[in-house]
Protein backbone atom coordinates (compact mmCIF):
# COMPACT_ATOMS: atom_id res chain seq x y z
CA UNK A 1 98.76 75.53 92.57
CA UNK A 2 100.39 76.56 95.81
CA UNK A 3 98.30 76.33 98.99
CA UNK A 4 97.15 79.41 100.88
CA UNK A 5 99.81 78.62 103.47
CA UNK A 6 102.50 78.53 100.80
CA UNK A 7 101.34 81.87 99.43
CA UNK A 8 101.34 83.67 102.77
CA UNK A 9 104.55 82.05 103.97
CA UNK A 10 106.55 84.59 101.95
CA UNK A 11 107.13 87.72 104.09
CA UNK A 12 106.77 90.26 101.25
CA UNK A 13 103.43 88.80 100.21
CA UNK A 14 102.23 88.91 103.82
CA UNK A 15 103.29 92.55 104.01
CA UNK A 16 101.40 93.34 100.80
CA UNK A 17 98.30 91.55 102.10
CA UNK A 18 98.60 93.49 105.34
CA UNK A 19 98.58 96.78 103.44
CA UNK A 20 95.69 95.72 101.25
CA UNK A 21 93.70 94.60 104.29
CA UNK A 22 93.41 98.25 105.33
CA UNK A 23 92.64 99.79 101.91
CA UNK A 24 93.04 99.51 98.17
CA UNK A 25 96.49 100.47 96.94
CA UNK A 26 98.30 101.08 93.68
CA UNK A 27 101.60 99.40 92.86
CA UNK A 28 103.45 102.67 93.50
CA UNK A 29 101.81 103.05 96.93
CA UNK A 30 102.86 99.51 97.84
CA UNK A 31 106.40 100.22 96.60
CA UNK A 32 106.64 103.32 98.76
CA UNK A 33 105.11 101.84 101.91
CA UNK A 34 107.20 98.65 101.80
CA UNK A 35 110.29 100.19 100.21
CA UNK A 36 110.36 97.49 97.55
CA UNK A 37 111.23 97.77 93.88
CA UNK A 38 108.45 97.92 91.29
CA UNK A 39 109.46 94.58 89.69
CA UNK A 40 109.41 92.87 93.09
CA UNK A 41 106.00 94.30 94.00
CA UNK A 42 104.63 93.34 90.59
CA UNK A 43 106.01 89.80 90.92
CA UNK A 44 104.40 89.29 94.33
CA UNK A 45 101.12 90.85 93.21
CA UNK A 46 101.14 88.47 90.23
CA UNK A 47 101.47 85.47 92.55
CA UNK A 48 98.72 86.84 94.82
CA UNK A 49 96.44 87.57 91.87
CA UNK A 50 96.96 84.14 90.30
CA UNK A 51 96.17 82.50 93.66
CA UNK A 52 93.03 84.62 94.04
CA UNK A 53 94.17 86.63 97.06
CA UNK A 54 93.93 89.98 95.30
CA UNK A 55 92.11 91.54 92.40
CA UNK A 56 92.77 94.74 90.52
CA UNK A 57 90.89 97.45 88.72
CA UNK A 58 92.01 100.23 86.44
CA UNK A 59 91.76 103.75 87.87
CA UNK A 60 92.80 106.31 85.26
CA UNK A 61 96.46 105.50 84.50
CA UNK A 62 97.09 103.12 87.38
CA UNK A 63 96.13 99.66 88.50
CA UNK A 64 94.63 99.51 92.00
CA UNK A 65 94.71 96.28 94.01
CA UNK A 66 92.40 95.09 96.76
CA UNK A 67 92.33 91.98 98.87
CA UNK A 68 89.93 89.12 98.26
CA UNK A 69 89.16 87.39 101.56
CA UNK A 70 87.94 84.04 100.19
CA UNK A 71 91.36 82.32 99.95
CA UNK A 72 92.06 83.30 103.53
CA UNK A 73 89.13 81.12 104.62
CA UNK A 74 91.42 78.07 104.35
CA UNK A 75 93.76 79.67 106.85
CA UNK A 76 90.85 80.78 109.05
CA UNK A 77 89.41 77.26 109.12
CA UNK A 78 92.77 75.81 110.11
CA UNK A 79 93.18 78.38 112.88
CA UNK A 80 89.74 77.67 114.34
CA UNK A 81 91.03 74.80 116.51
CA UNK A 82 93.72 77.04 117.94
CA UNK A 83 91.37 79.93 118.72
CA UNK A 84 89.77 77.94 121.51
CA UNK A 85 93.20 77.37 123.02
CA UNK A 86 94.19 81.03 122.66
CA UNK A 87 90.84 82.28 123.87
CA UNK A 88 91.04 80.20 127.05
CA UNK A 89 94.55 81.43 127.81
CA UNK A 90 93.77 85.03 126.92
CA UNK A 91 90.72 84.92 129.20
CA UNK A 92 92.89 83.63 132.06
CA UNK A 93 95.46 86.34 131.40
CA UNK A 94 92.75 88.99 131.36
CA UNK A 95 91.39 87.82 134.73
CA UNK A 96 94.91 87.82 136.19
CA UNK A 97 95.60 91.35 134.91
CA UNK A 98 92.28 92.55 136.33
CA UNK A 99 93.28 91.19 139.76
CA UNK A 100 96.71 92.84 139.53
CA UNK A 101 95.11 96.12 138.47
CA UNK A 102 92.65 96.01 141.37
CA UNK A 103 95.46 95.27 143.82
CA UNK A 104 97.51 98.19 142.47
CA UNK A 105 94.58 100.59 142.74
CA UNK A 106 94.03 99.48 146.32
CA UNK A 107 97.66 100.23 147.19
CA UNK A 108 97.68 103.65 145.57
CA UNK A 109 94.55 104.94 147.28
CA UNK A 110 95.43 107.34 150.02
CA UNK A 111 94.05 106.28 153.33
CA UNK A 112 92.32 109.05 155.22
CA UNK A 113 92.43 108.58 158.99
CA UNK A 114 89.06 108.31 160.69
CA UNK A 115 87.59 111.59 161.78
CA UNK A 116 89.58 113.70 159.30
CA UNK A 117 88.10 115.18 156.18
CA UNK A 118 90.03 115.36 152.91
C-alpha cells in the first residue's frame, strides 16, 4: 500500500481532498469544480477510498464522498517538527510587521501645531 505521502503527492488527488475538506461532494460536483473527466475523478477517488482518505455514501441516485482525516495524521505527525520552525519565523515576521505598521501610522498622523484646534 502506498504511503500517505505517496497518495497526496498527486496533484489531482490533493485537489479532490481540498474540495472534500470543505464539504461532502458528489462525483459530478468534483468533475465540475476541477474540470476533470468523470473517469479521472472516479480513478482518483478509488485510490483515495482504497487508502482510507475518503468514504462514500449513497444519496438517492448519486454517490457522495467525504474526507476521512485519520490517514492525514501521518502527515500531521511528520509536519509537527516543522511547525516549531515555522511558528518561530512567523512570530518574528508578525512582530516585524507590527513595528512597520506602527511606524507607518505614526508618519500618516497629521501633526497639529501647538495652540491650534483641529
